Amino acid sequence: YMDTTLGPFILNVTSGALLCSQALCSGHGRCARRSNHPEALL
């Protein structure tokens, strides 16, 4: 499960959070979903 499902997903979402932080916060903050986009995921 780790090799095929969990590992790839964790790498995906943690990378998404890091890249969003760099793109939106210059690396000095954490991205949080806007209330008008309740289904958005990183």
PDB file of all heavy atoms in Angstrom:
ATOM      1  N   TYR A   1       0.836  -1.201   0.000  1.00  0.00           N
ATOM      2  CA  TYR A   1       0.000   0.000   0.000  1.00  0.00           C
ATOM      3  C   TYR A   1       0.873   1.253   0.000  1.00  0.00           C
ATOM      4  O   TYR A   1       0.590   2.224  -0.708  1.00  0.00           O
ATOM      5  CB  TYR A   1      -0.895  -0.042   1.228  1.00  0.00           C
ATOM      6  CG  TYR A   1      -1.864   1.105   1.383  1.00  0.00           C
ATOM      7  CD1 TYR A   1      -2.991   1.210   0.568  1.00  0.00           C
ATOM      8  CD2 TYR A   1      -1.681   2.058   2.375  1.00  0.00           C
ATOM      9  CE1 TYR A   1      -3.898   2.242   0.734  1.00  0.00           C
ATOM     10  CE2 TYR A   1      -2.581   3.089   2.559  1.00  0.00           C
ATOM     11  CZ  TYR A   1      -3.688   3.176   1.735  1.00  0.00           C
ATOM     12  OH  TYR A   1      -4.580   4.202   1.906  1.00  0.00           O
ATOM     13  N   MET A   2       1.935   1.246   0.804  1.00  0.00           N
ATOM     14  CA  MET A   2       2.859   2.376   0.854  1.00  0.00           C
ATOM     15  C   MET A   2       3.501   2.611  -0.519  1.00  0.00           C
ATOM     16  O   MET A   2       3.598   3.747  -0.991  1.00  0.00           O
ATOM     17  CB  MET A   2       3.956   2.116   1.887  1.00  0.00           C
ATOM     18  CG  MET A   2       3.503   2.196   3.328  1.00  0.00           C
ATOM     19  SD  MET A   2       3.306   3.888   3.894  1.00  0.00           S
ATOM     20  CE  MET A   2       4.997   4.462   3.833  1.00  0.00           C
ATOM     21  N   ASP A   3       3.913   1.533  -1.167  1.00  0.00           N
ATOM     22  CA  ASP A   3       4.626   1.649  -2.443  1.00  0.00           C
ATOM     23  C   ASP A   3       3.716   2.111  -3.575  1.00  0.00           C
ATOM     24  O   ASP A   3       4.147   2.875  -4.454  1.00  0.00           O
ATOM     25  CB  ASP A   3       5.257   0.312  -2.817  1.00  0.00           C
ATOM     26  CG  ASP A   3       6.422  -0.066  -1.911  1.00  0.00           C
ATOM     27  OD1 ASP A   3       6.941   0.819  -1.207  1.00  0.00           O
ATOM     28  OD2 ASP A   3       6.789  -1.258  -1.894  1.00  0.00           O
ATOM     29  N   THR A   4       2.481   1.673  -3.555  1.00  0.00           N
ATOM     30  CA  THR A   4       1.616   1.899  -4.711  1.00  0.00           C
ATOM     31  C   THR A   4       0.592   3.020  -4.534  1.00  0.00           C
ATOM     32  O   THR A   4       0.175   3.631  -5.522  1.00  0.00           O
ATOM     33  CB  THR A   4       0.843   0.613  -5.049  1.00  0.00           C
ATOM     34  OG1 THR A   4       0.007   0.256  -3.925  1.00  0.00           O
ATOM     35  CG2 THR A   4       1.800  -0.533  -5.358  1.00  0.00           C
ATOM     36  N   THR A   5       0.172   3.285  -3.287  1.00  0.00           N
ATOM     37  CA  THR A   5      -0.919   4.239  -3.067  1.00  0.00           C
ATOM     38  C   THR A   5      -0.532   5.372  -2.124  1.00  0.00           C
ATOM     39  O   THR A   5      -0.553   6.546  -2.504  1.00  0.00           O
ATOM     40  CB  THR A   5      -2.154   3.504  -2.499  1.00  0.00           C
ATOM     41  OG1 THR A   5      -2.515   2.433  -3.377  1.00  0.00           O
ATOM     42  CG2 THR A   5      -3.338   4.456  -2.372  1.00  0.00           C
ATOM     43  N   LEU A   6      -0.178   5.034  -0.887  1.00  0.00           N
ATOM     44  CA  LEU A   6       0.074   6.060   0.114  1.00  0.00           C
ATOM     45  C   LEU A   6       1.322   6.877  -0.208  1.00  0.00           C
ATOM     46  O   LEU A   6       1.281   8.116  -0.145  1.00  0.00           O
ATOM     47  CB  LEU A   6       0.202   5.422   1.498  1.00  0.00           C
ATOM     48  CG  LEU A   6       0.450   6.392   2.656  1.00  0.00           C
ATOM     49  CD1 LEU A   6      -0.712   7.362   2.801  1.00  0.00           C
ATOM     50  CD2 LEU A   6       0.674   5.623   3.967  1.00  0.00           C
ATOM     51  N   GLY A   7       2.424   6.216  -0.525  1.00  0.00           N
ATOM     52  CA  GLY A   7       3.665   6.933  -0.794  1.00  0.00           C
ATOM     53  C   GLY A   7       3.537   7.946  -1.914  1.00  0.00           C
ATOM     54  O   GLY A   7       3.878   9.132  -1.736  1.00  0.00           O
ATOM     55  N   PRO A   8       3.040   7.534  -3.093  1.00  0.00           N
ATOM     56  CA  PRO A   8       2.865   8.508  -4.177  1.00  0.00           C
ATOM     57  C   PRO A   8       1.929   9.653  -3.803  1.00  0.00           C
ATOM     58  O   PRO A   8       2.175  10.800  -4.185  1.00  0.00           O
ATOM     59  CB  PRO A   8       2.285   7.665  -5.314  1.00  0.00           C
ATOM     60  CG  PRO A   8       2.793   6.282  -5.047  1.00  0.00           C
ATOM     61  CD  PRO A   8       2.805   6.148  -3.566  1.00  0.00           C
ATOM     62  N   PHE A   9       0.861   9.350  -3.047  1.00  0.00           N
ATOM     63  CA  PHE A   9      -0.070  10.423  -2.685  1.00  0.00           C
ATOM     64  C   PHE A   9       0.584  11.413  -1.728  1.00  0.00           C
ATOM     65  O   PHE A   9       0.415  12.631  -1.869  1.00  0.00           O
ATOM     66  CB  PHE A   9      -1.347   9.853  -2.066  1.00  0.00           C
ATOM     67  CG  PHE A   9      -2.355  10.930  -1.753  1.00  0.00           C
ATOM     68  CD1 PHE A   9      -3.131  11.474  -2.764  1.00  0.00           C
ATOM     69  CD2 PHE A   9      -2.489  11.424  -0.469  1.00  0.00           C
ATOM     70  CE1 PHE A   9      -4.036  12.498  -2.494  1.00  0.00           C
ATOM     71  CE2 PHE A   9      -3.397  12.440  -0.187  1.00  0.00           C
ATOM     72  CZ  PHE A   9      -4.171  12.980  -1.213  1.00  0.00           C
ATOM     73  N   ILE A  10       1.318  10.907  -0.730  1.00  0.00           N
ATOM     74  CA  ILE A  10       1.993  11.808   0.214  1.00  0.00           C
ATOM     75  C   ILE A  10       2.998  12.687  -0.522  1.00  0.00           C
ATOM     76  O   ILE A  10       3.081  13.904  -0.278  1.00  0.00           O
ATOM     77  CB  ILE A  10       2.677  11.000   1.336  1.00  0.00           C
ATOM     78  CG1 ILE A  10       1.629  10.409   2.277  1.00  0.00           C
ATOM     79  CG2 ILE A  10       3.655  11.880   2.115  1.00  0.00           C
ATOM     80  CD1 ILE A  10       2.210   9.550   3.382  1.00  0.00           C
ATOM     81  N   LEU A  11       3.776  12.098  -1.420  1.00  0.00           N
ATOM     82  CA  LEU A  11       4.734  12.894  -2.186  1.00  0.00           C
ATOM     83  C   LEU A  11       4.010  13.955  -3.014  1.00  0.00           C
ATOM     84  O   LEU A  11       4.456  15.109  -3.093  1.00  0.00           O
ATOM     85  CB  LEU A  11       5.559  11.981  -3.102  1.00  0.00           C
ATOM     86  CG  LEU A  11       6.585  12.674  -4.000  1.00  0.00           C
ATOM     87  CD1 LEU A  11       7.584  13.483  -3.178  1.00  0.00           C
ATOM     88  CD2 LEU A  11       7.311  11.661  -4.877  1.00  0.00           C
ATOM     89  N   ASN A  12       2.878  13.593  -3.574  1.00  0.00           N
ATOM     90  CA  ASN A  12       2.105  14.527  -4.388  1.00  0.00           C
ATOM     91  C   ASN A  12       1.604  15.702  -3.548  1.00  0.00           C
ATOM     92  O   ASN A  12       1.845  16.870  -3.871  1.00  0.00           O
ATOM     93  CB  ASN A  12       0.931  13.779  -5.022  1.00  0.00           C
ATOM     94  CG  ASN A  12       0.208  14.598  -6.073  1.00  0.00           C
ATOM     95  OD1 ASN A  12       0.036  15.805  -5.952  1.00  0.00           O
ATOM     96  ND2 ASN A  12      -0.253  13.928  -7.121  1.00  0.00           N
ATOM     97  N   VAL A  13       0.923  15.419  -2.449  1.00  0.00           N
ATOM     98  CA  VAL A  13       0.273  16.489  -1.694  1.00  0.00           C
ATOM     99  C   VAL A  13       1.280  17.330  -0.912  1.00  0.00           C
ATOM    100  O   VAL A  13       1.107  18.548  -0.780  1.00  0.00           O
ATOM    101  CB  VAL A  13      -0.835  15.908  -0.774  1.00  0.00           C
ATOM    102  CG1 VAL A  13      -0.260  15.223   0.452  1.00  0.00           C
ATOM    103  CG2 VAL A  13      -1.815  16.998  -0.361  1.00  0.00           C
ATOM    104  N   THR A  14       2.347  16.721  -0.385  1.00  0.00           N
ATOM    105  CA  THR A  14       3.350  17.521   0.321  1.00  0.00           C
ATOM    106  C   THR A  14       4.116  18.404  -0.662  1.00  0.00           C
ATOM    107  O   THR A  14       4.448  19.555  -0.337  1.00  0.00           O
ATOM    108  CB  THR A  14       4.322  16.627   1.109  1.00  0.00           C
ATOM    109  OG1 THR A  14       4.895  15.651   0.240  1.00  0.00           O
ATOM    110  CG2 THR A  14       3.614  15.921   2.250  1.00  0.00           C
ATOM    111  N   SER A  15       4.382  17.879  -1.845  1.00  0.00           N
ATOM    112  CA  SER A  15       5.037  18.697  -2.867  1.00  0.00           C
ATOM    113  C   SER A  15       4.119  19.830  -3.309  1.00  0.00           C
ATOM    114  O   SER A  15       4.563  20.972  -3.508  1.00  0.00           O
ATOM    115  CB  SER A  15       5.426  17.839  -4.066  1.00  0.00           C
ATOM    116  OG  SER A  15       6.339  16.819  -3.691  1.00  0.00           O
ATOM    117  N   GLY A  16       2.823  19.534  -3.436  1.00  0.00           N
ATOM    118  CA  GLY A  16       1.873  20.570  -3.799  1.00  0.00           C
ATOM    119  C   GLY A  16       1.823  21.678  -2.760  1.00  0.00           C
ATOM    120  O   GLY A  16       1.785  22.873  -3.093  1.00  0.00           O
ATOM    121  N   ALA A  17       1.836  21.307  -1.482  1.00  0.00           N
ATOM    122  CA  ALA A  17       1.814  22.301  -0.409  1.00  0.00           C
ATOM    123  C   ALA A  17       3.081  23.141  -0.428  1.00  0.00           C
ATOM    124  O   ALA A  17       3.038  24.375  -0.247  1.00  0.00           O
ATOM    125  CB  ALA A  17       1.651  21.600   0.941  1.00  0.00           C
ATOM    126  N   LEU A  18       4.232  22.500  -0.637  1.00  0.00           N
ATOM    127  CA  LEU A  18       5.505  23.224  -0.661  1.00  0.00           C
ATOM    128  C   LEU A  18       5.567  24.177  -1.851  1.00  0.00           C
ATOM    129  O   LEU A  18       5.954  25.350  -1.715  1.00  0.00           O
ATOM    130  CB  LEU A  18       6.660  22.229  -0.723  1.00  0.00           C
ATOM    131  CG  LEU A  18       8.074  22.828  -0.840  1.00  0.00           C
ATOM    132  CD1 LEU A  18       8.391  23.690   0.370  1.00  0.00           C
ATOM    133  CD2 LEU A  18       9.106  21.728  -1.003  1.00  0.00           C
ATOM    134  N   LEU A  19       5.184  23.706  -3.018  1.00  0.00           N
ATOM    135  CA  LEU A  19       5.239  24.550  -4.214  1.00  0.00           C
ATOM    136  C   LEU A  19       4.249  25.707  -4.117  1.00  0.00           C
ATOM    137  O   LEU A  19       4.543  26.821  -4.565  1.00  0.00           O
ATOM    138  CB  LEU A  19       4.961  23.710  -5.459  1.00  0.00           C
ATOM    139  CG  LEU A  19       6.078  22.729  -5.836  1.00  0.00           C
ATOM    140  CD1 LEU A  19       5.594  21.749  -6.900  1.00  0.00           C
ATOM    141  CD2 LEU A  19       7.315  23.487  -6.323  1.00  0.00           C
ATOM    142  N   CYS A  20       3.103  25.465  -3.516  1.00  0.00           N
ATOM    143  CA  CYS A  20       2.125  26.541  -3.328  1.00  0.00           C
ATOM    144  C   CYS A  20       2.671  27.593  -2.367  1.00  0.00           C
ATOM    145  O   CYS A  20       2.525  28.793  -2.576  1.00  0.00           O
ATOM    146  CB  CYS A  20       0.811  25.968  -2.812  1.00  0.00           C
ATOM    147  SG  CYS A  20      -0.528  27.182  -2.727  1.00  0.00           S
ATOM    148  N   SER A  21       3.322  27.124  -1.298  1.00  0.00           N
ATOM    149  CA  SER A  21       3.933  28.051  -0.351  1.00  0.00           C
ATOM    150  C   SER A  21       4.973  28.928  -1.035  1.00  0.00           C
ATOM    151  O   SER A  21       5.037  30.140  -0.813  1.00  0.00           O
ATOM    152  CB  SER A  21       4.575  27.273   0.803  1.00  0.00           C
ATOM    153  OG  SER A  21       5.318  28.129   1.642  1.00  0.00           O
ATOM    154  N   GLN A  22       5.777  28.317  -1.889  1.00  0.00           N
ATOM    155  CA  GLN A  22       6.808  29.078  -2.590  1.00  0.00           C
ATOM    156  C   GLN A  22       6.193  30.053  -3.588  1.00  0.00           C
ATOM    157  O   GLN A  22       6.644  31.204  -3.723  1.00  0.00           O
ATOM    158  CB  GLN A  22       7.758  28.119  -3.301  1.00  0.00           C
ATOM    159  CG  GLN A  22       8.582  27.263  -2.349  1.00  0.00           C
ATOM    160  CD  GLN A  22       9.344  26.162  -3.058  1.00  0.00           C
ATOM    161  OE1 GLN A  22       9.083  25.852  -4.226  1.00  0.00           O
ATOM    162  NE2 GLN A  22      10.293  25.544  -2.361  1.00  0.00           N
ATOM    163  N   ALA A  23       5.147  29.603  -4.272  1.00  0.00           N
ATOM    164  CA  ALA A  23       4.548  30.429  -5.331  1.00  0.00           C
ATOM    165  C   ALA A  23       3.711  31.566  -4.768  1.00  0.00           C
ATOM    166  O   ALA A  23       3.744  32.695  -5.280  1.00  0.00           O
ATOM    167  CB  ALA A  23       3.697  29.553  -6.247  1.00  0.00           C
ATOM    168  N   LEU A  24       2.935  31.289  -3.691  1.00  0.00           N
ATOM    169  CA  LEU A  24       2.006  32.285  -3.165  1.00  0.00           C
ATOM    170  C   LEU A  24       2.550  33.047  -1.968  1.00  0.00           C
ATOM    171  O   LEU A  24       2.132  34.177  -1.707  1.00  0.00           O
ATOM    172  CB  LEU A  24       0.682  31.623  -2.764  1.00  0.00           C
ATOM    173  CG  LEU A  24      -0.409  31.533  -3.832  1.00  0.00           C
ATOM    174  CD1 LEU A  24       0.056  30.724  -5.028  1.00  0.00           C
ATOM    175  CD2 LEU A  24      -1.679  30.931  -3.235  1.00  0.00           C
ATOM    176  N   CYS A  25       3.469  32.445  -1.215  1.00  0.00           N
ATOM    177  CA  CYS A  25       3.898  33.022   0.065  1.00  0.00           C
ATOM    178  C   CYS A  25       5.392  33.319   0.116  1.00  0.00           C
ATOM    179  O   CYS A  25       5.922  33.621   1.196  1.00  0.00           O
ATOM    180  CB  CYS A  25       3.565  32.080   1.220  1.00  0.00           C
ATOM    181  SG  CYS A  25       1.945  31.306   1.171  1.00  0.00           S
ATOM    182  N   SER A  26       6.095  33.169  -0.999  1.00  0.00           N
ATOM    183  CA  SER A  26       7.550  33.320  -1.018  1.00  0.00           C
ATOM    184  C   SER A  26       8.219  32.425   0.020  1.00  0.00           C
ATOM    185  O   SER A  26       9.274  32.754   0.556  1.00  0.00           O
ATOM    186  CB  SER A  26       7.945  34.782  -0.770  1.00  0.00           C
ATOM    187  OG  SER A  26       7.486  35.608  -1.813  1.00  0.00           O
ATOM    188  N   GLY A  27       7.582  31.297   0.328  1.00  0.00           N
ATOM    189  CA  GLY A  27       8.139  30.352   1.278  1.00  0.00           C
ATOM    190  C   GLY A  27       7.980  30.746   2.729  1.00  0.00           C
ATOM    191  O   GLY A  27       8.496  30.065   3.617  1.00  0.00           O
ATOM    192  N   HIS A  28       7.237  31.826   3.016  1.00  0.00           N
ATOM    193  CA  HIS A  28       7.105  32.317   4.380  1.00  0.00           C
ATOM    194  C   HIS A  28       5.704  32.096   4.955  1.00  0.00           C
ATOM    195  O   HIS A  28       5.331  32.720   5.959  1.00  0.00           O
ATOM    196  CB  HIS A  28       7.437  33.812   4.446  1.00  0.00           C
ATOM    197  CG  HIS A  28       8.816  34.131   3.981  1.00  0.00           C
ATOM    198  ND1 HIS A  28       9.923  33.420   4.376  1.00  0.00           N
ATOM    199  CD2 HIS A  28       9.272  35.096   3.129  1.00  0.00           C
ATOM    200  CE1 HIS A  28      11.005  33.925   3.815  1.00  0.00           C
ATOM    201  NE2 HIS A  28      10.641  34.931   3.042  1.00  0.00           N
ATOM    202  N   GLY A  29       4.942  31.226   4.332  1.00  0.00           N
ATOM    203  CA  GLY A  29       3.596  30.960   4.806  1.00  0.00           C
ATOM    204  C   GLY A  29       3.076  29.655   4.248  1.00  0.00           C
ATOM    205  O   GLY A  29       3.763  28.971   3.478  1.00  0.00           O
ATOM    206  N   ARG A  30       1.874  29.314   4.625  1.00  0.00           N
ATOM    207  CA  ARG A  30       1.257  28.044   4.233  1.00  0.00           C
ATOM    208  C   ARG A  30      -0.025  28.344   3.471  1.00  0.00           C
ATOM    209  O   ARG A  30      -0.811  29.216   3.868  1.00  0.00           O
ATOM    210  CB  ARG A  30       0.962  27.234   5.499  1.00  0.00           C
ATOM    211  CG  ARG A  30       0.413  25.840   5.249  1.00  0.00           C
ATOM    212  CD  ARG A  30       0.278  25.090   6.569  1.00  0.00           C
ATOM    213  NE  ARG A  30       1.592  24.825   7.154  1.00  0.00           N
ATOM    214  CZ  ARG A  30       1.995  25.331   8.315  1.00  0.00           C
ATOM    215  NH1 ARG A  30       1.208  26.125   9.003  1.00  0.00           N
ATOM    216  NH2 ARG A  30       3.194  25.037   8.777  1.00  0.00           N
ATOM    217  N   CYS A  31      -0.251  27.642   2.379  1.00  0.00           N
ATOM    218  CA  CYS A  31      -1.458  27.852   1.592  1.00  0.00           C
ATOM    219  C   CYS A  31      -2.676  27.259   2.296  1.00  0.00           C
ATOM    220  O   CYS A  31      -2.609  26.160   2.856  1.00  0.00           O
ATOM    221  CB  CYS A  31      -1.310  27.219   0.212  1.00  0.00           C
ATOM    222  SG  CYS A  31      -0.166  28.112  -0.867  1.00  0.00           S
ATOM    223  N   ALA A  32      -3.772  27.988   2.252  1.00  0.00           N
ATOM    224  CA  ALA A  32      -5.038  27.519   2.807  1.00  0.00           C
ATOM    225  C   ALA A  32      -6.137  27.813   1.800  1.00  0.00           C
ATOM    226  O   ALA A  32      -6.164  28.886   1.181  1.00  0.00           O
ATOM    227  CB  ALA A  32      -5.339  28.202   4.135  1.00  0.00           C
ATOM    228  N   ARG A  33      -7.035  26.898   1.645  1.00  0.00           N
ATOM    229  CA  ARG A  33      -8.065  26.973   0.615  1.00  0.00           C
ATOM    230  C   ARG A  33      -9.004  28.156   0.845  1.00  0.00           C
ATOM    231  O   ARG A  33      -9.404  28.453   1.968  1.00  0.00           O
ATOM    232  CB  ARG A  33      -8.868  25.672   0.644  1.00  0.00           C
ATOM    233  CG  ARG A  33      -9.892  25.529  -0.449  1.00  0.00           C
ATOM    234  CD  ARG A  33     -10.435  24.116  -0.477  1.00  0.00           C
ATOM    235  NE  ARG A  33     -10.921  23.701   0.831  1.00  0.00           N
ATOM    236  CZ  ARG A  33     -11.003  22.430   1.221  1.00  0.00           C
ATOM    237  NH1 ARG A  33     -10.628  21.454   0.423  1.00  0.00           N
ATOM    238  NH2 ARG A  33     -11.468  22.130   2.410  1.00  0.00           N
ATOM    239  N   ARG A  34      -9.340  28.830  -0.225  1.00  0.00           N
ATOM    240  CA  ARG A  34     -10.329  29.912  -0.154  1.00  0.00           C
ATOM    241  C   ARG A  34     -11.725  29.317   0.020  1.00  0.00           C
ATOM    242  O   ARG A  34     -12.032  28.248  -0.517  1.00  0.00           O
ATOM    243  CB  ARG A  34     -10.281  30.768  -1.417  1.00  0.00           C
ATOM    244  CG  ARG A  34      -8.966  31.518  -1.601  1.00  0.00           C
ATOM    245  CD  ARG A  34      -9.004  32.393  -2.843  1.00  0.00           C
ATOM    246  NE  ARG A  34      -7.726  33.048  -3.080  1.00  0.00           N
ATOM    247  CZ  ARG A  34      -7.350  34.194  -2.515  1.00  0.00           C
ATOM    248  NH1 ARG A  34      -8.187  34.814  -1.684  1.00  0.00           N
ATOM    249  NH2 ARG A  34      -6.170  34.729  -2.786  1.00  0.00           N
ATOM    250  N   SER A  35     -12.562  30.031   0.756  1.00  0.00           N
ATOM    251  CA  SER A  35     -13.890  29.510   1.079  1.00  0.00           C
ATOM    252  C   SER A  35     -14.771  29.329  -0.148  1.00  0.00           C
ATOM    253  O   SER A  35     -15.687  28.503  -0.141  1.00  0.00           O
ATOM    254  CB  SER A  35     -14.587  30.448   2.076  1.00  0.00           C
ATOM    255  OG  SER A  35     -14.701  31.757   1.532  1.00  0.00           O
ATOM    256  N   ASN A  36     -14.494  30.084  -1.212  1.00  0.00           N
ATOM    257  CA  ASN A  36     -15.318  29.953  -2.422  1.00  0.00           C
ATOM    258  C   ASN A  36     -14.837  28.840  -3.349  1.00  0.00           C
ATOM    259  O   ASN A  36     -15.342  28.692  -4.461  1.00  0.00           O
ATOM    260  CB  ASN A  36     -15.382  31.283  -3.166  1.00  0.00           C
ATOM    261  CG  ASN A  36     -14.014  31.799  -3.575  1.00  0.00           C
ATOM    262  OD1 ASN A  36     -12.991  31.361  -3.050  1.00  0.00           O
ATOM    263  ND2 ASN A  36     -13.994  32.737  -4.509  1.00  0.00           N
ATOM    264  N   HIS A  37     -13.842  28.048  -2.881  1.00  0.00           N
ATOM    265  CA  HIS A  37     -13.378  26.880  -3.638  1.00  0.00           C
ATOM    266  C   HIS A  37     -13.287  25.688  -2.688  1.00  0.00           C
ATOM    267  O   HIS A  37     -12.201  25.168  -2.432  1.00  0.00           O
ATOM    268  CB  HIS A  37     -12.027  27.150  -4.292  1.00  0.00           C
ATOM    269  CG  HIS A  37     -12.091  28.098  -5.442  1.00  0.00           C
ATOM    270  ND1 HIS A  37     -12.422  27.698  -6.724  1.00  0.00           N
ATOM    271  CD2 HIS A  37     -11.912  29.441  -5.503  1.00  0.00           C
ATOM    272  CE1 HIS A  37     -12.420  28.748  -7.527  1.00  0.00           C
ATOM    273  NE2 HIS A  37     -12.118  29.818  -6.811  1.00  0.00           N
ATOM    274  N   PRO A  38     -14.434  25.230  -2.157  1.00  0.00           N
ATOM    275  CA  PRO A  38     -14.428  24.224  -1.098  1.00  0.00           C
ATOM    276  C   PRO A  38     -13.908  22.854  -1.500  1.00  0.00           C
ATOM    277  O   PRO A  38     -13.614  22.037  -0.633  1.00  0.00           O
ATOM    278  CB  PRO A  38     -15.898  24.153  -0.672  1.00  0.00           C
ATOM    279  CG  PRO A  38     -16.662  24.604  -1.882  1.00  0.00           C
ATOM    280  CD  PRO A  38     -15.812  25.641  -2.513  1.00  0.00           C
ATOM    281  N   GLU A  39     -13.792  22.589  -2.795  1.00  0.00           N
ATOM    282  CA  GLU A  39     -13.335  21.280  -3.243  1.00  0.00           C
ATOM    283  C   GLU A  39     -11.868  21.274  -3.665  1.00  0.00           C
ATOM    284  O   GLU A  39     -11.327  20.223  -4.026  1.00  0.00           O
ATOM    285  CB  GLU A  39     -14.199  20.788  -4.421  1.00  0.00           C
ATOM    286  CG  GLU A  39     -15.688  20.726  -4.123  1.00  0.00           C
ATOM    287  CD  GLU A  39     -16.002  19.852  -2.924  1.00  0.00           C
ATOM    288  OE1 GLU A  39     -15.395  18.763  -2.797  1.00  0.00           O
ATOM    289  OE2 GLU A  39     -16.842  20.258  -2.099  1.00  0.00           O
ATOM    290  N   ALA A  40     -11.206  22.421  -3.623  1.00  0.00           N
ATOM    291  CA  ALA A  40      -9.826  22.505  -4.102  1.00  0.00           C
ATOM    292  C   ALA A  40      -8.883  21.722  -3.194  1.00  0.00           C
ATOM    293  O   ALA A  40      -9.004  21.748  -1.970  1.00  0.00           O
ATOM    294  CB  ALA A  40      -9.388  23.962  -4.169  1.00  0.00           C
ATOM    295  N   LEU A  41      -7.946  21.026  -3.809  1.00  0.00           N
ATOM    296  CA  LEU A  41      -6.929  20.273  -3.086  1.00  0.00           C
ATOM    297  C   LEU A  41      -5.555  20.632  -3.636  1.00  0.00           C
ATOM    298  O   LEU A  41      -5.423  21.039  -4.794  1.00  0.00           O
ATOM    299  CB  LEU A  41      -7.162  18.763  -3.230  1.00  0.00           C
ATOM    300  CG  LEU A  41      -8.438  18.191  -2.618  1.00  0.00           C
ATOM    301  CD1 LEU A  41      -8.578  16.712  -2.989  1.00  0.00           C
ATOM    302  CD2 LEU A  41      -8.469  18.361  -1.109  1.00  0.00           C
ATOM    303  N   LEU A  42      -4.547  20.454  -2.794  1.00  0.00           N
ATOM    304  CA  LEU A  42      -3.169  20.734  -3.214  1.00  0.00           C
ATOM    305  C   LEU A  42      -2.563  19.507  -3.889  1.00  0.00           C
ATOM    306  O   LEU A  42      -1.531  18.978  -3.476  1.00  0.00           O
ATOM    307  CB  LEU A  42      -2.336  21.173  -2.011  1.00  0.00           C
ATOM    308  CG  LEU A  42      -2.650  22.581  -1.494  1.00  0.00           C
ATOM    309  CD1 LEU A  42      -2.012  22.808  -0.134  1.00  0.00           C
ATOM    310  CD2 LEU A  42      -2.168  23.632  -2.502  1.00  0.00           C
TER     311      LEU A  42
END
